[in-house]
Amino acid sequence: MYTENNNNMCNIQKNPIMFIWFFYAVCFVFRAVEYFVVRTDQGIIGEAFIHKLTGIGLLAIAIHIWGYKWRDIVFRADNTSKGICYDLLFGSAVCAIAYAVEMFINQSAGNMPSLERYV
């Protein structure tokens, strides 16, 4: 029995595409439920919360199944604050660029752009 499980694990490691598609399908189902049933986009949480947590959970399961550690996939505690700062900087820059483009498009269409906040 152990050799059969070991052989299945070797097959997954050599050709992980089906495993990845399965994880994607699970996240997609959670995303559909989140958008159409739970409706997190109408609350304080905002959208894309539950299926992202599901993806992180599936990542943890995959790491355990394949025998990796978080450190092996570049999640290291020594770079946490540096990574958070880079992520915040990148996110802010992308948000600023997207907002500037949106304002330019609105202004070009003859609309008066205004700053409003939505969930």
PDB file of N, CA and C in Angstrom:
ATOM      1  N   MET A   1       0.825  -1.193   0.000  1.00  0.00           N
ATOM      2  CA  MET A   1       0.000   0.000   0.000  1.00  0.00           C
ATOM      3  C   MET A   1       0.867   1.253   0.000  1.00  0.00           C
ATOM      4  N   TYR A   2       1.946   1.243   0.770  1.00  0.00           N
ATOM      5  CA  TYR A   2       2.816   2.409   0.848  1.00  0.00           C
ATOM      6  C   TYR A   2       3.455   2.703  -0.502  1.00  0.00           C
ATOM      7  N   THR A   3       3.858   1.643  -1.223  1.00  0.00           N
ATOM      8  CA  THR A   3       4.479   1.871  -2.528  1.00  0.00           C
ATOM      9  C   THR A   3       3.484   2.460  -3.516  1.00  0.00           C
ATOM     10  N   GLU A   4       2.221   2.058  -3.437  1.00  0.00           N
ATOM     11  CA  GLU A   4       1.223   2.611  -4.349  1.00  0.00           C
ATOM     12  C   GLU A   4       1.043   4.112  -4.093  1.00  0.00           C
ATOM     13  N   ASN A   5       0.947   4.516  -2.823  1.00  0.00           N
ATOM     14  CA  ASN A   5       0.831   5.939  -2.494  1.00  0.00           C
ATOM     15  C   ASN A   5       2.084   6.685  -2.896  1.00  0.00           C
ATOM     16  N   ASN A   6       3.239   6.061  -2.688  1.00  0.00           N
ATOM     17  CA  ASN A   6       4.503   6.688  -3.053  1.00  0.00           C
ATOM     18  C   ASN A   6       4.587   6.882  -4.568  1.00  0.00           C
ATOM     19  N   ASN A   7       4.129   5.892  -5.340  1.00  0.00           N
ATOM     20  CA  ASN A   7       4.121   6.018  -6.800  1.00  0.00           C
ATOM     21  C   ASN A   7       3.170   7.121  -7.254  1.00  0.00           C
ATOM     22  N   ASN A   8       1.986   7.235  -6.609  1.00  0.00           N
ATOM     23  CA  ASN A   8       1.049   8.302  -6.947  1.00  0.00           C
ATOM     24  C   ASN A   8       1.666   9.673  -6.669  1.00  0.00           C
ATOM     25  N   MET A   9       2.387   9.789  -5.562  1.00  0.00           N
ATOM     26  CA  MET A   9       3.034  11.045  -5.226  1.00  0.00           C
ATOM     27  C   MET A   9       4.099  11.390  -6.256  1.00  0.00           C
ATOM     28  N   CYS A  10       4.853  10.408  -6.706  1.00  0.00           N
ATOM     29  CA  CYS A  10       5.874  10.652  -7.729  1.00  0.00           C
ATOM     30  C   CYS A  10       5.223  11.110  -9.031  1.00  0.00           C
ATOM     31  N   ASN A  11       4.073  10.521  -9.391  1.00  0.00           N
ATOM     32  CA  ASN A  11       3.372  10.935 -10.600  1.00  0.00           C
ATOM     33  C   ASN A  11       2.888  12.377 -10.491  1.00  0.00           C
ATOM     34  N   ILE A  12       2.388  12.765  -9.316  1.00  0.00           N
ATOM     35  CA  ILE A  12       1.937  14.142  -9.114  1.00  0.00           C
ATOM     36  C   ILE A  12       3.106  15.100  -9.230  1.00  0.00           C
ATOM     37  N   GLN A  13       4.253  14.724  -8.683  1.00  0.00           N
ATOM     38  CA  GLN A  13       5.411  15.613  -8.744  1.00  0.00           C
ATOM     39  C   GLN A  13       5.960  15.727 -10.155  1.00  0.00           C
ATOM     40  N   LYS A  14       5.880  14.666 -10.946  1.00  0.00           N
ATOM     41  CA  LYS A  14       6.377  14.714 -12.317  1.00  0.00           C
ATOM     42  C   LYS A  14       5.423  15.450 -13.244  1.00  0.00           C
ATOM     43  N   ASN A  15       4.119  15.289 -13.029  1.00  0.00           N
ATOM     44  CA  ASN A  15       3.109  15.918 -13.874  1.00  0.00           C
ATOM     45  C   ASN A  15       2.014  16.520 -12.982  1.00  0.00           C
ATOM     46  N   PRO A  16       2.240  17.714 -12.450  1.00  0.00           N
ATOM     47  CA  PRO A  16       1.302  18.284 -11.478  1.00  0.00           C
ATOM     48  C   PRO A  16       0.102  19.003 -12.091  1.00  0.00           C
ATOM     49  N   ILE A  17      -0.064  18.964 -13.406  1.00  0.00           N
ATOM     50  CA  ILE A  17      -1.101  19.755 -14.065  1.00  0.00           C
ATOM     51  C   ILE A  17      -2.503  19.390 -13.563  1.00  0.00           C
ATOM     52  N   MET A  18      -2.832  18.124 -13.450  1.00  0.00           N
ATOM     53  CA  MET A  18      -4.159  17.721 -12.978  1.00  0.00           C
ATOM     54  C   MET A  18      -4.378  18.167 -11.533  1.00  0.00           C
ATOM     55  N   PHE A  19      -3.351  18.071 -10.730  1.00  0.00           N
ATOM     56  CA  PHE A  19      -3.418  18.511  -9.334  1.00  0.00           C
ATOM     57  C   PHE A  19      -3.695  20.012  -9.278  1.00  0.00           C
ATOM     58  N   ILE A  20      -3.017  20.788 -10.113  1.00  0.00           N
ATOM     59  CA  ILE A  20      -3.205  22.236 -10.167  1.00  0.00           C
ATOM     60  C   ILE A  20      -4.616  22.574 -10.664  1.00  0.00           C
ATOM     61  N   TRP A  21      -5.092  21.878 -11.689  1.00  0.00           N
ATOM     62  CA  TRP A  21      -6.447  22.113 -12.194  1.00  0.00           C
ATOM     63  C   TRP A  21      -7.490  21.796 -11.126  1.00  0.00           C
ATOM     64  N   PHE A  22      -7.259  20.756 -10.354  1.00  0.00           N
ATOM     65  CA  PHE A  22      -8.188  20.412  -9.270  1.00  0.00           C
ATOM     66  C   PHE A  22      -8.244  21.546  -8.252  1.00  0.00           C
ATOM     67  N   PHE A  23      -7.098  22.050  -7.846  1.00  0.00           N
ATOM     68  CA  PHE A  23      -7.057  23.166  -6.891  1.00  0.00           C
ATOM     69  C   PHE A  23      -7.747  24.400  -7.480  1.00  0.00           C
ATOM     70  N   TYR A  24      -7.512  24.663  -8.749  1.00  0.00           N
ATOM     71  CA  TYR A  24      -8.153  25.796  -9.394  1.00  0.00           C
ATOM     72  C   TYR A  24      -9.669  25.630  -9.395  1.00  0.00           C
ATOM     73  N   ALA A  25     -10.143  24.435  -9.708  1.00  0.00           N
ATOM     74  CA  ALA A  25     -11.591  24.176  -9.743  1.00  0.00           C
ATOM     75  C   ALA A  25     -12.213  24.371  -8.367  1.00  0.00           C
ATOM     76  N   VAL A  26     -11.540  23.905  -7.325  1.00  0.00           N
ATOM     77  CA  VAL A  26     -12.051  24.088  -5.964  1.00  0.00           C
ATOM     78  C   VAL A  26     -12.137  25.578  -5.635  1.00  0.00           C
ATOM     79  N   CYS A  27     -11.099  26.329  -5.935  1.00  0.00           N
ATOM     80  CA  CYS A  27     -11.119  27.779  -5.689  1.00  0.00           C
ATOM     81  C   CYS A  27     -12.203  28.463  -6.517  1.00  0.00           C
ATOM     82  N   PHE A  28     -12.410  28.003  -7.744  1.00  0.00           N
ATOM     83  CA  PHE A  28     -13.438  28.588  -8.596  1.00  0.00           C
ATOM     84  C   PHE A  28     -14.828  28.358  -8.013  1.00  0.00           C
ATOM     85  N   VAL A  29     -15.069  27.158  -7.497  1.00  0.00           N
ATOM     86  CA  VAL A  29     -16.365  26.863  -6.873  1.00  0.00           C
ATOM     87  C   VAL A  29     -16.568  27.765  -5.661  1.00  0.00           C
ATOM     88  N   PHE A  30     -15.545  27.903  -4.825  1.00  0.00           N
ATOM     89  CA  PHE A  30     -15.651  28.791  -3.669  1.00  0.00           C
ATOM     90  C   PHE A  30     -15.879  30.237  -4.110  1.00  0.00           C
ATOM     91  N   ARG A  31     -15.262  30.629  -5.204  1.00  0.00           N
ATOM     92  CA  ARG A  31     -15.443  31.992  -5.714  1.00  0.00           C
ATOM     93  C   ARG A  31     -16.882  32.211  -6.171  1.00  0.00           C
ATOM     94  N   ALA A  32     -17.443  31.255  -6.887  1.00  0.00           N
ATOM     95  CA  ALA A  32     -18.828  31.366  -7.341  1.00  0.00           C
ATOM     96  C   ALA A  32     -19.787  31.427  -6.156  1.00  0.00           C
ATOM     97  N   VAL A  33     -19.566  30.587  -5.173  1.00  0.00           N
ATOM     98  CA  VAL A  33     -20.413  30.613  -3.971  1.00  0.00           C
ATOM     99  C   VAL A  33     -20.257  31.955  -3.268  1.00  0.00           C
ATOM    100  N   GLU A  34     -19.038  32.443  -3.193  1.00  0.00           N
ATOM    101  CA  GLU A  34     -18.787  33.726  -2.531  1.00  0.00           C
ATOM    102  C   GLU A  34     -19.505  34.868  -3.235  1.00  0.00           C
ATOM    103  N   TYR A  35     -19.480  34.895  -4.549  1.00  0.00           N
ATOM    104  CA  TYR A  35     -20.090  35.990  -5.302  1.00  0.00           C
ATOM    105  C   TYR A  35     -21.608  35.890  -5.367  1.00  0.00           C
ATOM    106  N   PHE A  36     -22.142  34.678  -5.554  1.00  0.00           N
ATOM    107  CA  PHE A  36     -23.565  34.541  -5.823  1.00  0.00           C
ATOM    108  C   PHE A  36     -24.408  34.108  -4.622  1.00  0.00           C
ATOM    109  N   VAL A  37     -23.803  33.500  -3.620  1.00  0.00           N
ATOM    110  CA  VAL A  37     -24.564  33.037  -2.466  1.00  0.00           C
ATOM    111  C   VAL A  37     -24.267  33.896  -1.235  1.00  0.00           C
ATOM    112  N   VAL A  38     -23.002  33.985  -0.864  1.00  0.00           N
ATOM    113  CA  VAL A  38     -22.613  34.721   0.340  1.00  0.00           C
ATOM    114  C   VAL A  38     -22.667  36.225   0.110  1.00  0.00           C
ATOM    115  N   ARG A  39     -22.362  36.659  -1.105  1.00  0.00           N
ATOM    116  CA  ARG A  39     -22.392  38.065  -1.514  1.00  0.00           C
ATOM    117  C   ARG A  39     -21.476  38.943  -0.656  1.00  0.00           C
ATOM    118  N   THR A  40     -20.217  38.537  -0.524  1.00  0.00           N
ATOM    119  CA  THR A  40     -19.266  39.318   0.269  1.00  0.00           C
ATOM    120  C   THR A  40     -18.949  40.656  -0.370  1.00  0.00           C
ATOM    121  N   ASP A  41     -19.274  40.828  -1.652  1.00  0.00           N
ATOM    122  CA  ASP A  41     -19.006  42.106  -2.305  1.00  0.00           C
ATOM    123  C   ASP A  41     -19.930  43.213  -1.806  1.00  0.00           C
ATOM    124  N   GLN A  42     -20.971  42.871  -1.069  1.00  0.00           N
ATOM    125  CA  GLN A  42     -21.906  43.865  -0.557  1.00  0.00           C
ATOM    126  C   GLN A  42     -21.652  44.201   0.902  1.00  0.00           C
ATOM    127  N   GLY A  43     -20.645  43.619   1.489  1.00  0.00           N
ATOM    128  CA  GLY A  43     -20.388  43.846   2.905  1.00  0.00           C
ATOM    129  C   GLY A  43     -19.080  44.567   3.142  1.00  0.00           C
ATOM    130  N   ILE A  44     -18.712  44.661   4.389  1.00  0.00           N
ATOM    131  CA  ILE A  44     -17.501  45.369   4.793  1.00  0.00           C
ATOM    132  C   ILE A  44     -16.241  44.607   4.385  1.00  0.00           C
ATOM    133  N   ILE A  45     -16.344  43.294   4.255  1.00  0.00           N
ATOM    134  CA  ILE A  45     -15.174  42.480   3.905  1.00  0.00           C
ATOM    135  C   ILE A  45     -14.708  42.788   2.492  1.00  0.00           C
ATOM    136  N   GLY A  46     -15.636  43.043   1.596  1.00  0.00           N
ATOM    137  CA  GLY A  46     -15.273  43.224   0.199  1.00  0.00           C
ATOM    138  C   GLY A  46     -15.209  41.877  -0.493  1.00  0.00           C
ATOM    139  N   GLU A  47     -14.981  41.917  -1.778  1.00  0.00           N
ATOM    140  CA  GLU A  47     -14.984  40.664  -2.522  1.00  0.00           C
ATOM    141  C   GLU A  47     -13.636  39.955  -2.448  1.00  0.00           C
ATOM    142  N   ALA A  48     -13.624  38.753  -2.932  1.00  0.00           N
ATOM    143  CA  ALA A  48     -12.391  37.968  -3.080  1.00  0.00           C
ATOM    144  C   ALA A  48     -11.718  37.680  -1.748  1.00  0.00           C
ATOM    145  N   PHE A  49     -12.471  37.256  -0.781  1.00  0.00           N
ATOM    146  CA  PHE A  49     -11.891  36.961   0.523  1.00  0.00           C
ATOM    147  C   PHE A  49     -11.916  35.463   0.805  1.00  0.00           C
ATOM    148  N   ILE A  50     -13.077  34.850   0.675  1.00  0.00           N
ATOM    149  CA  ILE A  50     -13.235  33.440   1.041  1.00  0.00           C
ATOM    150  C   ILE A  50     -12.435  32.543   0.103  1.00  0.00           C
ATOM    151  N   HIS A  51     -12.519  32.782  -1.211  1.00  0.00           N
ATOM    152  CA  HIS A  51     -11.805  31.881  -2.116  1.00  0.00           C
ATOM    153  C   HIS A  51     -10.290  32.085  -2.037  1.00  0.00           C
ATOM    154  N   LYS A  52      -9.845  33.263  -1.627  1.00  0.00           N
ATOM    155  CA  LYS A  52      -8.403  33.440  -1.431  1.00  0.00           C
ATOM    156  C   LYS A  52      -7.930  32.685  -0.196  1.00  0.00           C
ATOM    157  N   LEU A  53      -8.726  32.708   0.872  1.00  0.00           N
ATOM    158  CA  LEU A  53      -8.382  31.896   2.044  1.00  0.00           C
ATOM    159  C   LEU A  53      -8.386  30.418   1.694  1.00  0.00           C
ATOM    160  N   THR A  54      -9.332  30.014   0.855  1.00  0.00           N
ATOM    161  CA  THR A  54      -9.373  28.615   0.405  1.00  0.00           C
ATOM    162  C   THR A  54      -8.102  28.274  -0.370  1.00  0.00           C
ATOM    163  N   GLY A  55      -7.667  29.178  -1.243  1.00  0.00           N
ATOM    164  CA  GLY A  55      -6.433  28.952  -2.002  1.00  0.00           C
ATOM    165  C   GLY A  55      -5.220  28.817  -1.104  1.00  0.00           C
ATOM    166  N   ILE A  56      -5.146  29.658  -0.073  1.00  0.00           N
ATOM    167  CA  ILE A  56      -4.029  29.556   0.874  1.00  0.00           C
ATOM    168  C   ILE A  56      -4.089  28.230   1.617  1.00  0.00           C
ATOM    169  N   GLY A  57      -5.305  27.807   1.989  1.00  0.00           N
ATOM    170  CA  GLY A  57      -5.461  26.502   2.644  1.00  0.00           C
ATOM    171  C   GLY A  57      -5.040  25.358   1.740  1.00  0.00           C
ATOM    172  N   LEU A  58      -5.427  25.433   0.465  1.00  0.00           N
ATOM    173  CA  LEU A  58      -5.016  24.398  -0.486  1.00  0.00           C
ATOM    174  C   LEU A  58      -3.511  24.405  -0.707  1.00  0.00           C
ATOM    175  N   LEU A  59      -2.909  25.590  -0.690  1.00  0.00           N
ATOM    176  CA  LEU A  59      -1.459  25.687  -0.796  1.00  0.00           C
ATOM    177  C   LEU A  59      -0.790  24.994   0.384  1.00  0.00           C
ATOM    178  N   ALA A  60      -1.336  25.199   1.577  1.00  0.00           N
ATOM    179  CA  ALA A  60      -0.794  24.534   2.767  1.00  0.00           C
ATOM    180  C   ALA A  60      -0.911  23.019   2.650  1.00  0.00           C
ATOM    181  N   ILE A  61      -2.042  22.551   2.115  1.00  0.00           N
ATOM    182  CA  ILE A  61      -2.224  21.106   1.923  1.00  0.00           C
ATOM    183  C   ILE A  61      -1.218  20.574   0.906  1.00  0.00           C
ATOM    184  N   ALA A  62      -1.047  21.294  -0.207  1.00  0.00           N
ATOM    185  CA  ALA A  62      -0.097  20.856  -1.239  1.00  0.00           C
ATOM    186  C   ALA A  62       1.322  20.820  -0.702  1.00  0.00           C
ATOM    187  N   ILE A  63       1.685  21.813   0.085  1.00  0.00           N
ATOM    188  CA  ILE A  63       3.028  21.840   0.677  1.00  0.00           C
ATOM    189  C   ILE A  63       3.230  20.614   1.563  1.00  0.00           C
ATOM    190  N   HIS A  64       2.212  20.288   2.343  1.00  0.00           N
ATOM    191  CA  HIS A  64       2.306  19.115   3.223  1.00  0.00           C
ATOM    192  C   HIS A  64       2.380  17.818   2.415  1.00  0.00           C
ATOM    193  N   ILE A  65       1.530  17.703   1.385  1.00  0.00           N
ATOM    194  CA  ILE A  65       1.506  16.479   0.571  1.00  0.00           C
ATOM    195  C   ILE A  65       2.844  16.249  -0.121  1.00  0.00           C
ATOM    196  N   TRP A  66       3.419  17.324  -0.692  1.00  0.00           N
ATOM    197  CA  TRP A  66       4.662  17.174  -1.429  1.00  0.00           C
ATOM    198  C   TRP A  66       5.896  17.199  -0.548  1.00  0.00           C
ATOM    199  N   GLY A  67       5.720  17.425   0.746  1.00  0.00           N
ATOM    200  CA  GLY A  67       6.851  17.378   1.664  1.00  0.00           C
ATOM    201  C   GLY A  67       7.721  18.629   1.667  1.00  0.00           C
ATOM    202  N   TYR A  68       7.171  19.742   1.200  1.00  0.00           N
ATOM    203  CA  TYR A  68       7.916  20.990   1.228  1.00  0.00           C
ATOM    204  C   TYR A  68       7.668  21.719   2.540  1.00  0.00           C
ATOM    205  N   LYS A  69       8.424  22.775   2.755  1.00  0.00           N
ATOM    206  CA  LYS A  69       8.207  23.679   3.867  1.00  0.00           C
ATOM    207  C   LYS A  69       7.893  25.048   3.277  1.00  0.00           C
ATOM    208  N   TRP A  70       7.277  25.924   4.073  1.00  0.00           N
ATOM    209  CA  TRP A  70       6.948  27.266   3.594  1.00  0.00           C
ATOM    210  C   TRP A  70       8.203  27.984   3.103  1.00  0.00           C
ATOM    211  N   ARG A  71       9.292  27.733   3.764  1.00  0.00           N
ATOM    212  CA  ARG A  71      10.569  28.355   3.396  1.00  0.00           C
ATOM    213  C   ARG A  71      11.005  27.930   1.990  1.00  0.00           C
ATOM    214  N   ASP A  72      10.631  26.711   1.586  1.00  0.00           N
ATOM    215  CA  ASP A  72      11.013  26.208   0.259  1.00  0.00           C
ATOM    216  C   ASP A  72      10.321  26.966  -0.874  1.00  0.00           C
ATOM    217  N   ILE A  73       9.177  27.584  -0.579  1.00  0.00           N
ATOM    218  CA  ILE A  73       8.469  28.335  -1.618  1.00  0.00           C
ATOM    219  C   ILE A  73       8.534  29.832  -1.329  1.00  0.00           C
ATOM    220  N   VAL A  74       9.595  30.266  -0.695  1.00  0.00           N
ATOM    221  CA  VAL A  74       9.976  31.662  -0.497  1.00  0.00           C
ATOM    222  C   VAL A  74       9.097  32.395   0.519  1.00  0.00           C
ATOM    223  N   PHE A  75       8.481  31.698   1.462  1.00  0.00           N
ATOM    224  CA  PHE A  75       7.816  32.348   2.586  1.00  0.00           C
ATOM    225  C   PHE A  75       8.774  32.263   3.765  1.00  0.00           C
ATOM    226  N   ARG A  76       9.510  33.305   3.984  1.00  0.00           N
ATOM    227  CA  ARG A  76      10.509  33.309   5.051  1.00  0.00           C
ATOM    228  C   ARG A  76      10.183  34.393   6.057  1.00  0.00           C
ATOM    229  N   ALA A  77      10.337  34.075   7.323  1.00  0.00           N
ATOM    230  CA  ALA A  77      10.021  35.017   8.394  1.00  0.00           C
ATOM    231  C   ALA A  77      11.004  36.182   8.430  1.00  0.00           C
ATOM    232  N   ASP A  78      12.231  35.981   7.972  1.00  0.00           N
ATOM    233  CA  ASP A  78      13.229  37.048   8.050  1.00  0.00           C
ATOM    234  C   ASP A  78      12.967  38.167   7.039  1.00  0.00           C
ATOM    235  N   ASN A  79      12.178  37.931   6.006  1.00  0.00           N
ATOM    236  CA  ASN A  79      11.886  38.950   4.996  1.00  0.00           C
ATOM    237  C   ASN A  79      10.451  39.464   5.068  1.00  0.00           C
ATOM    238  N   THR A  80       9.733  39.184   6.149  1.00  0.00           N
ATOM    239  CA  THR A  80       8.317  39.521   6.213  1.00  0.00           C
ATOM    240  C   THR A  80       8.070  41.014   6.107  1.00  0.00           C
ATOM    241  N   SER A  81       8.723  41.818   6.942  1.00  0.00           N
ATOM    242  CA  SER A  81       8.454  43.265   6.921  1.00  0.00           C
ATOM    243  C   SER A  81       8.912  43.895   5.598  1.00  0.00           C
ATOM    244  N   LYS A  82      10.003  43.425   5.071  1.00  0.00           N
ATOM    245  CA  LYS A  82      10.482  43.929   3.780  1.00  0.00           C
ATOM    246  C   LYS A  82       9.486  43.582   2.667  1.00  0.00           C
ATOM    247  N   GLY A  83       8.976  42.365   2.678  1.00  0.00           N
ATOM    248  CA  GLY A  83       7.994  41.938   1.683  1.00  0.00           C
ATOM    249  C   GLY A  83       6.698  42.717   1.794  1.00  0.00           C
ATOM    250  N   ILE A  84       6.245  42.965   3.015  1.00  0.00           N
ATOM    251  CA  ILE A  84       5.018  43.734   3.216  1.00  0.00           C
ATOM    252  C   ILE A  84       5.197  45.151   2.684  1.00  0.00           C
ATOM    253  N   CYS A  85       6.341  45.761   2.958  1.00  0.00           N
ATOM    254  CA  CYS A  85       6.603  47.124   2.454  1.00  0.00           C
ATOM    255  C   CYS A  85       6.623  47.154   0.928  1.00  0.00           C
ATOM    256  N   TYR A  86       7.275  46.186   0.299  1.00  0.00           N
ATOM    257  CA  TYR A  86       7.300  46.124  -1.160  1.00  0.00           C
ATOM    258  C   TYR A  86       5.890  45.925  -1.719  1.00  0.00           C
ATOM    259  N   ASP A  87       5.114  45.037  -1.095  1.00  0.00           N
ATOM    260  CA  ASP A  87       3.756  44.782  -1.558  1.00  0.00           C
ATOM    261  C   ASP A  87       2.882  46.023  -1.435  1.00  0.00           C
ATOM    262  N   LEU A  88       2.989  46.735  -0.315  1.00  0.00           N
ATOM    263  CA  LEU A  88       2.210  47.959  -0.137  1.00  0.00           C
ATOM    264  C   LEU A  88       2.616  49.027  -1.145  1.00  0.00           C
ATOM    265  N   LEU A  89       3.909  49.144  -1.391  1.00  0.00           N
ATOM    266  CA  LEU A  89       4.398  50.114  -2.366  1.00  0.00           C
ATOM    267  C   LEU A  89       3.898  49.770  -3.774  1.00  0.00           C
ATOM    268  N   PHE A  90       4.007  48.521  -4.152  1.00  0.00           N
ATOM    269  CA  PHE A  90       3.547  48.083  -5.466  1.00  0.00           C
ATOM    270  C   PHE A  90       2.044  48.269  -5.613  1.00  0.00           C
ATOM    271  N   GLY A  91       1.282  47.846  -4.600  1.00  0.00           N
ATOM    272  CA  GLY A  91      -0.178  47.992  -4.639  1.00  0.00           C
ATOM    273  C   GLY A  91      -0.603  49.447  -4.731  1.00  0.00           C
ATOM    274  N   SER A  92       0.052  50.303  -3.978  1.00  0.00           N
ATOM    275  CA  SER A  92      -0.267  51.734  -4.017  1.00  0.00           C
ATOM    276  C   SER A  92       0.052  52.333  -5.381  1.00  0.00           C
ATOM    277  N   ALA A  93       1.178  51.947  -5.953  1.00  0.00           N
ATOM    278  CA  ALA A  93       1.556  52.467  -7.269  1.00  0.00           C
ATOM    279  C   ALA A  93       0.566  52.019  -8.342  1.00  0.00           C
ATOM    280  N   VAL A  94       0.177  50.758  -8.329  1.00  0.00           N
ATOM    281  CA  VAL A  94      -0.784  50.254  -9.312  1.00  0.00           C
ATOM    282  C   VAL A  94      -2.133  50.938  -9.131  1.00  0.00           C
ATOM    283  N   CYS A  95      -2.560  51.124  -7.889  1.00  0.00           N
ATOM    284  CA  CYS A  95      -3.826  51.791  -7.612  1.00  0.00           C
ATOM    285  C   CYS A  95      -3.789  53.237  -8.110  1.00  0.00           C
ATOM    286  N   ALA A  96      -2.707  53.936  -7.860  1.00  0.00           N
ATOM    287  CA  ALA A  96      -2.578  55.329  -8.298  1.00  0.00           C
ATOM    288  C   ALA A  96      -2.598  55.434  -9.822  1.00  0.00           C
ATOM    289  N   ILE A  97      -1.899  54.542 -10.491  1.00  0.00           N
ATOM    290  CA  ILE A  97      -1.886  54.549 -11.960  1.00  0.00           C
ATOM    291  C   ILE A  97      -3.282  54.248 -12.505  1.00  0.00           C
ATOM    292  N   ALA A  98      -3.949  53.242 -11.932  1.00  0.00           N
ATOM    293  CA  ALA A  98      -5.291  52.875 -12.397  1.00  0.00           C
ATOM    294  C   ALA A  98      -6.268  54.025 -12.171  1.00  0.00           C
ATOM    295  N   TYR A  99      -6.173  54.681 -11.043  1.00  0.00           N
ATOM    296  CA  TYR A  99      -7.071  55.795 -10.761  1.00  0.00           C
ATOM    297  C   TYR A  99      -6.791  56.973 -11.690  1.00  0.00           C
ATOM    298  N   ALA A 100      -5.532  57.240 -11.970  1.00  0.00           N
ATOM    299  CA  ALA A 100      -5.184  58.327 -12.885  1.00  0.00           C
ATOM    300  C   ALA A 100      -5.714  58.044 -14.290  1.00  0.00           C
ATOM    301  N   VAL A 101      -5.604  56.810 -14.755  1.00  0.00           N
ATOM    302  CA  VAL A 101      -6.128  56.440 -16.070  1.00  0.00           C
ATOM    303  C   VAL A 101      -7.642  56.589 -16.089  1.00  0.00           C
ATOM    304  N   GLU A 102      -8.302  56.160 -15.018  1.00  0.00           N
ATOM    305  CA  GLU A 102      -9.757  56.278 -14.940  1.00  0.00           C
ATOM    306  C   GLU A 102     -10.190  57.751 -14.950  1.00  0.00           C
ATOM    307  N   MET A 103      -9.473  58.590 -14.233  1.00  0.00           N
ATOM    308  CA  MET A 103      -9.794  60.021 -14.230  1.00  0.00           C
ATOM    309  C   MET A 103      -9.586  60.626 -15.618  1.00  0.00           C
ATOM    310  N   PHE A 104      -8.516  60.237 -16.281  1.00  0.00           N
ATOM    311  CA  PHE A 104      -8.241  60.740 -17.633  1.00  0.00           C
ATOM    312  C   PHE A 104      -9.345  60.326 -18.604  1.00  0.00           C
ATOM    313  N   ILE A 105      -9.782  59.081 -18.523  1.00  0.00           N
ATOM    314  CA  ILE A 105     -10.841  58.594 -19.410  1.00  0.00           C
ATOM    315  C   ILE A 105     -12.138  59.343 -19.131  1.00  0.00           C
ATOM    316  N   ASN A 106     -12.480  59.532 -17.850  1.00  0.00           N
ATOM    317  CA  ASN A 106     -13.698  60.274 -17.515  1.00  0.00           C
ATOM    318  C   ASN A 106     -13.628  61.716 -18.000  1.00  0.00           C
ATOM    319  N   GLN A 107     -12.495  62.336 -17.809  1.00  0.00           N
ATOM    320  CA  GLN A 107     -12.332  63.724 -18.227  1.00  0.00           C
ATOM    321  C   GLN A 107     -12.401  63.830 -19.757  1.00  0.00           C
ATOM    322  N   SER A 108     -11.828  62.873 -20.457  1.00  0.00           N
ATOM    323  CA  SER A 108     -11.872  62.861 -21.918  1.00  0.00           C
ATOM    324  C   SER A 108     -13.294  62.676 -22.436  1.00  0.00           C
ATOM    325  N   ALA A 109     -14.115  61.969 -21.660  1.00  0.00           N
ATOM    326  CA  ALA A 109     -15.506  61.729 -22.065  1.00  0.00           C
ATOM    327  C   ALA A 109     -16.419  62.891 -21.683  1.00  0.00           C
ATOM    328  N   GLY A 110     -15.857  63.909 -21.045  1.00  0.00           N
ATOM    329  CA  GLY A 110     -16.652  65.074 -20.675  1.00  0.00           C
ATOM    330  C   GLY A 110     -17.281  64.974 -19.301  1.00  0.00           C
ATOM    331  N   ASN A 111     -16.949  63.955 -18.553  1.00  0.00           N
ATOM    332  CA  ASN A 111     -17.470  63.806 -17.190  1.00  0.00           C
ATOM    333  C   ASN A 111     -16.517  64.462 -16.204  1.00  0.00           C
ATOM    334  N   MET A 112     -17.069  64.982 -15.139  1.00  0.00           N
ATOM    335  CA  MET A 112     -16.236  65.572 -14.103  1.00  0.00           C
ATOM    336  C   MET A 112     -15.824  64.469 -13.127  1.00  0.00           C
ATOM    337  N   PRO A 113     -14.556  64.075 -13.126  1.00  0.00           N
ATOM    338  CA  PRO A 113     -14.141  62.995 -12.225  1.00  0.00           C
ATOM    339  C   PRO A 113     -14.179  63.453 -10.769  1.00  0.00           C
ATOM    340  N   SER A 114     -14.591  62.549  -9.908  1.00  0.00           N
ATOM    341  CA  SER A 114     -14.616  62.844  -8.474  1.00  0.00           C
ATOM    342  C   SER A 114     -14.144  61.613  -7.709  1.00  0.00           C
ATOM    343  N   LEU A 115     -13.655  61.853  -6.543  1.00  0.00           N
ATOM    344  CA  LEU A 115     -13.149  60.767  -5.698  1.00  0.00           C
ATOM    345  C   LEU A 115     -14.273  60.292  -4.798  1.00  0.00           C
ATOM    346  N   GLU A 116     -14.625  59.015  -4.914  1.00  0.00           N
ATOM    347  CA  GLU A 116     -15.645  58.417  -4.069  1.00  0.00           C
ATOM    348  C   GLU A 116     -15.130  57.090  -3.579  1.00  0.00           C
ATOM    349  N   ARG A 117     -15.654  56.643  -2.466  1.00  0.00           N
ATOM    350  CA  ARG A 117     -15.189  55.391  -1.865  1.00  0.00           C
ATOM    351  C   ARG A 117     -16.301  54.361  -1.887  1.00  0.00           C
ATOM    352  N   TYR A 118     -15.993  53.193  -2.372  1.00  0.00           N
ATOM    353  CA  TYR A 118     -16.930  52.077  -2.414  1.00  0.00           C
ATOM    354  C   TYR A 118     -16.277  50.878  -1.779  1.00  0.00           C
ATOM    355  N   VAL A 119     -17.119  49.941  -1.343  1.00  0.00           N
ATOM    356  CA  VAL A 119     -16.588  48.686  -0.823  1.00  0.00           C
ATOM    357  C   VAL A 119     -16.225  47.825  -1.989  1.00  0.00           C
TER     358      VAL A 119
END
